[in-house]
């Protein structure tokens, strides 16, 4: 169970899943939609999500090759959870920042 929680709780997986919630996207489109993710990290995250059965990778036989990623039905079951976490983070972000600032001020040396 821990390996599954590690996957969906890492820094990038839920962002990739959330980005794919509406449509299939190419690698470059995903990278544009997810600020701060490196090409290497996106590649690793996509491979891990594909291995776990949460996304599919489709290679279209054309020149130049076109590769698209989309959620599987299993990956789609994470959307409500991902959106609930995102809503929570948005709602509580100011309070968390305030708590961090208060902690840092109290623990400065």
N, C-alpha and C. Protein backbone atom coordinates (compact mmCIF):
# COMPACT_ATOMS: atom_id res chain seq x y z
N UNK A 1 0.82 -1.19 0.00
CA UNK A 1 0.00 0.00 0.00
C UNK A 1 0.87 1.26 0.00
N UNK A 2 2.00 1.20 0.69
CA UNK A 2 2.84 2.38 0.79
C UNK A 2 3.34 2.83 -0.58
N UNK A 3 3.65 1.86 -1.45
CA UNK A 3 4.15 2.22 -2.77
C UNK A 3 3.12 2.99 -3.58
N UNK A 4 1.85 2.66 -3.39
CA UNK A 4 0.78 3.38 -4.09
C UNK A 4 0.65 4.80 -3.54
N UNK A 5 0.69 4.93 -2.22
CA UNK A 5 0.61 6.25 -1.60
C UNK A 5 1.82 7.10 -1.97
N UNK A 6 2.99 6.47 -2.06
CA UNK A 6 4.18 7.20 -2.49
C UNK A 6 4.00 7.76 -3.89
N UNK A 7 3.40 6.98 -4.76
CA UNK A 7 3.22 7.41 -6.15
C UNK A 7 2.27 8.60 -6.23
N UNK A 8 1.10 8.47 -5.64
CA UNK A 8 0.12 9.56 -5.78
C UNK A 8 0.44 10.75 -4.88
N UNK A 9 1.35 10.54 -3.92
CA UNK A 9 1.71 11.63 -3.03
C UNK A 9 3.00 12.34 -3.40
N UNK A 10 3.60 11.95 -4.52
CA UNK A 10 4.84 12.62 -4.89
C UNK A 10 4.54 14.00 -5.46
N UNK A 11 5.58 14.72 -5.75
CA UNK A 11 5.45 16.13 -6.14
C UNK A 11 4.71 16.33 -7.46
N UNK A 12 4.85 15.40 -8.41
CA UNK A 12 4.36 15.66 -9.77
C UNK A 12 3.18 14.80 -10.22
N UNK A 13 2.98 13.63 -9.64
CA UNK A 13 1.97 12.71 -10.17
C UNK A 13 0.56 13.30 -10.21
N UNK A 14 0.13 13.89 -9.11
CA UNK A 14 -1.23 14.45 -9.10
C UNK A 14 -1.36 15.63 -10.05
N UNK A 15 -0.28 16.38 -10.25
CA UNK A 15 -0.34 17.48 -11.22
C UNK A 15 -0.49 16.93 -12.63
N UNK A 16 0.21 15.86 -12.95
CA UNK A 16 0.07 15.24 -14.28
C UNK A 16 -1.33 14.68 -14.44
N UNK A 17 -1.81 13.97 -13.44
CA UNK A 17 -3.16 13.39 -13.50
C UNK A 17 -4.20 14.49 -13.65
N UNK A 18 -4.08 15.54 -12.87
CA UNK A 18 -5.02 16.65 -12.97
C UNK A 18 -4.98 17.32 -14.32
N UNK A 19 -3.80 17.42 -14.90
CA UNK A 19 -3.66 18.05 -16.22
C UNK A 19 -4.29 17.20 -17.31
N UNK A 20 -4.27 15.89 -17.13
CA UNK A 20 -4.85 14.98 -18.13
C UNK A 20 -6.34 14.72 -17.90
N UNK A 21 -6.94 15.38 -16.93
CA UNK A 21 -8.32 15.06 -16.58
C UNK A 21 -9.32 15.37 -17.68
N UNK A 22 -9.03 16.30 -18.56
CA UNK A 22 -10.01 16.71 -19.58
C UNK A 22 -9.72 16.18 -20.97
N UNK A 23 -8.44 15.92 -21.26
CA UNK A 23 -8.09 15.53 -22.62
C UNK A 23 -6.76 14.82 -22.66
N UNK A 24 -6.53 14.12 -23.76
CA UNK A 24 -5.20 13.53 -23.98
C UNK A 24 -4.27 14.62 -24.47
N UNK A 25 -3.02 14.53 -24.06
CA UNK A 25 -2.05 15.56 -24.40
C UNK A 25 -0.72 14.95 -24.83
N UNK A 26 0.00 15.70 -25.63
CA UNK A 26 1.35 15.32 -26.01
C UNK A 26 2.31 15.77 -24.91
N UNK A 27 3.53 15.22 -24.97
CA UNK A 27 4.53 15.52 -23.95
C UNK A 27 4.76 17.02 -23.81
N UNK A 28 4.97 17.70 -24.93
CA UNK A 28 5.27 19.13 -24.88
C UNK A 28 4.09 19.93 -24.32
N UNK A 29 2.87 19.48 -24.59
CA UNK A 29 1.69 20.16 -24.05
C UNK A 29 1.62 19.98 -22.53
N UNK A 30 1.92 18.76 -22.08
CA UNK A 30 1.96 18.52 -20.63
C UNK A 30 3.00 19.41 -19.96
N UNK A 31 4.16 19.49 -20.57
CA UNK A 31 5.24 20.29 -19.98
C UNK A 31 4.85 21.76 -19.91
N UNK A 32 4.14 22.25 -20.91
CA UNK A 32 3.68 23.65 -20.88
C UNK A 32 2.64 23.89 -19.79
N UNK A 33 1.81 22.90 -19.53
CA UNK A 33 0.74 23.05 -18.54
C UNK A 33 1.21 22.88 -17.10
N UNK A 34 2.42 22.33 -16.91
CA UNK A 34 2.90 22.06 -15.55
C UNK A 34 4.18 22.87 -15.32
N UNK A 35 4.05 24.08 -14.81
CA UNK A 35 5.23 24.94 -14.60
C UNK A 35 6.24 24.29 -13.65
N UNK A 36 7.50 24.40 -14.02
CA UNK A 36 8.57 23.95 -13.14
C UNK A 36 8.99 22.51 -13.30
N UNK A 37 8.25 21.72 -14.06
CA UNK A 37 8.65 20.32 -14.22
C UNK A 37 9.69 20.22 -15.34
N UNK A 38 10.77 19.52 -15.06
CA UNK A 38 11.81 19.35 -16.07
C UNK A 38 11.41 18.24 -17.04
N UNK A 39 12.07 18.22 -18.17
CA UNK A 39 11.81 17.17 -19.16
C UNK A 39 12.08 15.80 -18.55
N UNK A 40 13.17 15.68 -17.83
CA UNK A 40 13.53 14.40 -17.21
C UNK A 40 12.48 13.96 -16.19
N UNK A 41 12.04 14.89 -15.34
CA UNK A 41 11.08 14.54 -14.30
C UNK A 41 9.72 14.19 -14.90
N UNK A 42 9.32 14.89 -15.96
CA UNK A 42 8.07 14.56 -16.62
C UNK A 42 8.16 13.17 -17.24
N UNK A 43 9.28 12.87 -17.88
CA UNK A 43 9.47 11.54 -18.47
C UNK A 43 9.37 10.45 -17.41
N UNK A 44 10.06 10.63 -16.29
CA UNK A 44 10.02 9.63 -15.21
C UNK A 44 8.62 9.48 -14.64
N UNK A 45 7.94 10.60 -14.42
CA UNK A 45 6.59 10.56 -13.85
C UNK A 45 5.63 9.86 -14.80
N UNK A 46 5.70 10.17 -16.08
CA UNK A 46 4.82 9.52 -17.05
C UNK A 46 5.08 8.02 -17.10
N UNK A 47 6.32 7.61 -17.08
CA UNK A 47 6.65 6.18 -17.09
C UNK A 47 6.09 5.48 -15.86
N UNK A 48 6.24 6.10 -14.71
CA UNK A 48 5.74 5.50 -13.47
C UNK A 48 4.22 5.40 -13.48
N UNK A 49 3.56 6.45 -13.94
CA UNK A 49 2.09 6.43 -13.99
C UNK A 49 1.60 5.40 -15.01
N UNK A 50 2.31 5.26 -16.11
CA UNK A 50 1.95 4.25 -17.10
C UNK A 50 2.14 2.85 -16.51
N UNK A 51 3.25 2.63 -15.84
CA UNK A 51 3.53 1.34 -15.22
C UNK A 51 2.46 0.97 -14.20
N UNK A 52 1.96 1.97 -13.48
CA UNK A 52 0.93 1.73 -12.46
C UNK A 52 -0.47 1.61 -13.05
N UNK A 53 -0.60 1.79 -14.36
CA UNK A 53 -1.90 1.66 -15.00
C UNK A 53 -2.79 2.88 -14.87
N UNK A 54 -2.21 4.03 -14.54
CA UNK A 54 -3.01 5.24 -14.35
C UNK A 54 -3.13 6.08 -15.61
N UNK A 55 -2.17 5.93 -16.53
CA UNK A 55 -2.24 6.61 -17.83
C UNK A 55 -1.86 5.63 -18.92
N UNK A 56 -2.24 5.96 -20.14
CA UNK A 56 -1.79 5.19 -21.30
C UNK A 56 -0.97 6.10 -22.19
N UNK A 57 -0.04 5.50 -22.88
CA UNK A 57 0.84 6.18 -23.83
C UNK A 57 0.52 5.59 -25.19
N UNK A 58 0.08 6.44 -26.11
CA UNK A 58 -0.26 5.98 -27.46
C UNK A 58 0.69 6.60 -28.46
N UNK A 59 1.36 5.74 -29.23
CA UNK A 59 2.26 6.19 -30.28
C UNK A 59 1.52 6.05 -31.60
N UNK A 60 1.36 7.16 -32.30
CA UNK A 60 0.68 7.16 -33.59
C UNK A 60 1.72 6.97 -34.70
N UNK A 61 1.44 6.07 -35.60
CA UNK A 61 2.37 5.75 -36.69
C UNK A 61 2.26 6.80 -37.79
N UNK A 62 2.96 7.87 -37.60
CA UNK A 62 3.00 8.94 -38.59
C UNK A 62 4.37 9.61 -38.51
N UNK A 63 4.67 10.41 -39.49
CA UNK A 63 5.95 11.11 -39.52
C UNK A 63 5.69 12.60 -39.40
N UNK A 64 6.27 13.30 -38.43
CA UNK A 64 7.03 12.73 -37.32
C UNK A 64 6.12 11.98 -36.35
N UNK A 65 6.70 11.09 -35.54
CA UNK A 65 5.87 10.31 -34.61
C UNK A 65 5.12 11.23 -33.64
N UNK A 66 3.93 10.84 -33.32
CA UNK A 66 3.11 11.61 -32.37
C UNK A 66 2.78 10.68 -31.21
N UNK A 67 3.10 11.12 -30.00
CA UNK A 67 2.83 10.35 -28.79
C UNK A 67 1.88 11.15 -27.92
N UNK A 68 0.82 10.49 -27.46
CA UNK A 68 -0.16 11.16 -26.60
C UNK A 68 -0.35 10.36 -25.32
N UNK A 69 -0.68 11.08 -24.27
CA UNK A 69 -0.93 10.48 -22.96
C UNK A 69 -2.36 10.81 -22.54
N UNK A 70 -3.00 9.82 -21.92
CA UNK A 70 -4.34 10.06 -21.39
C UNK A 70 -4.57 9.18 -20.17
N UNK A 71 -5.55 9.58 -19.37
CA UNK A 71 -5.88 8.81 -18.19
C UNK A 71 -6.56 7.51 -18.57
N UNK A 72 -6.28 6.47 -17.82
CA UNK A 72 -7.03 5.23 -17.92
C UNK A 72 -8.27 5.37 -17.03
N UNK A 73 -9.21 4.44 -17.12
CA UNK A 73 -10.33 4.49 -16.18
C UNK A 73 -9.86 4.47 -14.72
N UNK A 74 -8.81 3.70 -14.43
CA UNK A 74 -8.27 3.68 -13.07
C UNK A 74 -7.71 5.04 -12.69
N UNK A 75 -6.98 5.67 -13.58
CA UNK A 75 -6.45 7.01 -13.33
C UNK A 75 -7.56 8.02 -13.12
N UNK A 76 -8.66 7.85 -13.85
CA UNK A 76 -9.80 8.75 -13.72
C UNK A 76 -10.43 8.71 -12.34
N UNK A 77 -10.28 7.58 -11.65
CA UNK A 77 -10.86 7.49 -10.30
C UNK A 77 -10.14 8.38 -9.31
N UNK A 78 -8.96 8.87 -9.67
CA UNK A 78 -8.21 9.77 -8.78
C UNK A 78 -8.61 11.23 -8.92
N UNK A 79 -9.37 11.56 -9.95
CA UNK A 79 -9.67 12.97 -10.23
C UNK A 79 -10.38 13.65 -9.06
N UNK A 80 -11.42 13.03 -8.53
CA UNK A 80 -12.14 13.66 -7.42
C UNK A 80 -11.23 13.86 -6.21
N UNK A 81 -10.40 12.87 -5.93
CA UNK A 81 -9.46 13.01 -4.81
C UNK A 81 -8.45 14.11 -5.07
N UNK A 82 -7.92 14.15 -6.27
CA UNK A 82 -6.92 15.17 -6.62
C UNK A 82 -7.53 16.57 -6.53
N UNK A 83 -8.75 16.72 -7.02
CA UNK A 83 -9.39 18.03 -6.99
C UNK A 83 -9.72 18.43 -5.55
N UNK A 84 -10.12 17.47 -4.72
CA UNK A 84 -10.38 17.78 -3.31
C UNK A 84 -9.10 18.24 -2.62
N UNK A 85 -7.98 17.58 -2.90
CA UNK A 85 -6.70 18.01 -2.33
C UNK A 85 -6.30 19.39 -2.83
N UNK A 86 -6.51 19.65 -4.11
CA UNK A 86 -6.18 20.96 -4.67
C UNK A 86 -7.04 22.04 -4.02
N UNK A 87 -8.33 21.78 -3.87
CA UNK A 87 -9.21 22.75 -3.22
C UNK A 87 -8.76 23.03 -1.78
N UNK A 88 -8.41 21.96 -1.07
CA UNK A 88 -7.94 22.12 0.30
C UNK A 88 -6.68 22.97 0.33
N UNK A 89 -5.73 22.68 -0.56
CA UNK A 89 -4.47 23.43 -0.60
C UNK A 89 -4.71 24.90 -0.90
N UNK A 90 -5.59 25.19 -1.84
CA UNK A 90 -5.89 26.58 -2.19
C UNK A 90 -6.53 27.30 -1.00
N UNK A 91 -7.48 26.63 -0.37
CA UNK A 91 -8.20 27.24 0.75
C UNK A 91 -7.28 27.49 1.95
N UNK A 92 -6.36 26.59 2.20
CA UNK A 92 -5.55 26.66 3.41
C UNK A 92 -4.15 27.21 3.21
N UNK A 93 -3.78 27.51 2.00
CA UNK A 93 -2.43 28.01 1.71
C UNK A 93 -2.06 29.24 2.53
N UNK A 94 -2.94 30.26 2.62
CA UNK A 94 -2.58 31.44 3.43
C UNK A 94 -2.32 31.09 4.90
N UNK A 95 -3.12 30.21 5.47
CA UNK A 95 -2.92 29.83 6.87
C UNK A 95 -1.61 29.07 7.07
N UNK A 96 -1.29 28.23 6.11
CA UNK A 96 -0.04 27.48 6.20
C UNK A 96 1.15 28.43 6.09
N UNK A 97 1.07 29.39 5.17
CA UNK A 97 2.14 30.39 5.06
C UNK A 97 2.29 31.18 6.36
N UNK A 98 1.17 31.57 6.95
CA UNK A 98 1.22 32.30 8.23
C UNK A 98 1.87 31.45 9.32
N UNK A 99 1.51 30.17 9.38
CA UNK A 99 2.08 29.27 10.38
C UNK A 99 3.58 29.11 10.17
N UNK A 100 4.00 28.98 8.93
CA UNK A 100 5.43 28.86 8.63
C UNK A 100 6.19 30.11 9.06
N UNK A 101 5.62 31.27 8.74
CA UNK A 101 6.28 32.52 9.10
C UNK A 101 6.39 32.66 10.62
N UNK A 102 5.33 32.31 11.33
CA UNK A 102 5.35 32.38 12.79
C UNK A 102 6.37 31.41 13.37
N UNK A 103 6.41 30.22 12.85
CA UNK A 103 7.38 29.22 13.31
C UNK A 103 8.80 29.70 13.06
N UNK A 104 9.06 30.16 11.84
CA UNK A 104 10.40 30.63 11.48
C UNK A 104 10.83 31.80 12.37
N UNK A 105 9.91 32.72 12.64
CA UNK A 105 10.23 33.87 13.49
C UNK A 105 10.55 33.42 14.92
N UNK A 106 9.82 32.43 15.40
CA UNK A 106 10.03 31.95 16.76
C UNK A 106 11.30 31.11 16.90
N UNK A 107 11.77 30.56 15.80
CA UNK A 107 12.91 29.65 15.87
C UNK A 107 14.16 30.19 15.19
N UNK A 108 14.21 31.50 14.99
CA UNK A 108 15.43 32.09 14.43
C UNK A 108 16.51 32.12 15.49
N UNK A 109 17.72 32.00 15.05
CA UNK A 109 18.83 32.01 16.02
C UNK A 109 19.66 33.23 15.83
